[in-house]
C-alpha atoms as a PDB file:
ATOM      1  CA  MET A   1     122.165 160.585 167.133  1.00  0.00           C
ATOM      2  CA  ILE A   2     118.917 162.101 166.322  1.00  0.00           C
ATOM      3  CA  ALA A   3     116.834 162.825 169.418  1.00  0.00           C
ATOM      4  CA  HIS A   4     113.268 164.175 169.349  1.00  0.00           C
ATOM      5  CA  SER A   5     109.706 163.720 170.957  1.00  0.00           C
ATOM      6  CA  GLY A   6     106.297 164.583 170.764  1.00  0.00           C
ATOM      7  CA  ARG A   7     102.850 164.331 171.823  1.00  0.00           C
ATOM      8  CA  SER A   8      99.921 162.874 169.608  1.00  0.00           C
ATOM      9  CA  VAL A   9      96.146 163.386 170.611  1.00  0.00           C
ATOM     10  CA  VAL A  10      93.311 161.591 168.970  1.00  0.00           C
ATOM     11  CA  THR A  11      89.498 161.894 169.775  1.00  0.00           C
ATOM     12  CA  LEU A  12      87.363 158.874 168.186  1.00  0.00           C
ATOM     13  CA  PHE A  13      83.415 159.196 167.605  1.00  0.00           C
ATOM     14  CA  ARG A  14      81.727 155.801 167.646  1.00  0.00           C
ATOM     15  CA  PHE A  15      77.983 155.731 166.214  1.00  0.00           C
ATOM     16  CA  GLY A  16      75.722 153.267 166.959  1.00  0.00           C
ATOM     17  CA  GLU A  17      72.368 152.644 165.479  1.00  0.00           C
ATOM     18  CA  THR A  18      70.305 154.566 168.135  1.00  0.00           C
ATOM     19  CA  ALA A  19      70.922 158.302 168.940  1.00  0.00           C
ATOM     20  CA  MET A  20      71.611 157.583 172.344  1.00  0.00           C
ATOM     21  CA  SER A  21      74.876 155.212 171.702  1.00  0.00           C
ATOM     22  CA  HIS A  22      77.227 157.582 170.644  1.00  0.00           C
ATOM     23  CA  THR A  23      80.400 157.283 172.504  1.00  0.00           C
ATOM     24  CA  LYS A  24      83.593 159.905 172.334  1.00  0.00           C
ATOM     25  CA  THR A  25      86.957 158.729 173.432  1.00  0.00           C
ATOM     26  CA  ARG A  26      90.159 160.903 173.614  1.00  0.00           C
ATOM     27  CA  MET A  27      93.680 159.122 173.786  1.00  0.00           C
ATOM     28  CA  GLU A  28      96.614 160.895 174.466  1.00  0.00           C
ATOM     29  CA  GLU A  29     100.309 159.813 174.263  1.00  0.00           C
ATOM     30  CA  ALA A  30     103.823 161.627 174.907  1.00  0.00           C
ATOM     31  CA  TRP A  31     106.611 159.882 173.145  1.00  0.00           C
ATOM     32  CA  THR A  32     110.551 160.206 173.018  1.00  0.00           C
ATOM     33  CA  ILE A  33     112.984 158.886 170.489  1.00  0.00           C
ATOM     34  CA  GLU A  34     116.448 159.291 172.330  1.00  0.00           C
ATOM     35  CA  GLU A  35     118.613 157.603 170.117  1.00  0.00           C
ATOM     36  CA  VAL A  36     118.492 156.384 166.404  1.00  0.00           C
ATOM     37  CA  ALA A  37     121.254 155.598 164.129  1.00  0.00           C
ATOM     38  CA  PHE A  38     120.643 155.811 160.354  1.00  0.00           C
ATOM     39  CA  ASN A  39     123.064 154.209 158.085  1.00  0.00           C
ATOM     40  CA  VAL A  40     121.317 154.773 154.360  1.00  0.00           C
ATOM     41  CA  PRO A  41     123.817 154.667 151.664  1.00  0.00           C
ATOM     42  CA  GLY A  42     123.570 157.944 149.213  1.00  0.00           C
END
């Protein structure tokens, strides 16, 4: 069993045709993987 977690943060900039139409969006995500089974032949 492998368990791990993390946090991702992304900032997006969108530029329009005029100088007044720039937007900035920030997205955050917290994630956890509690149980993963790997069966990979060596």
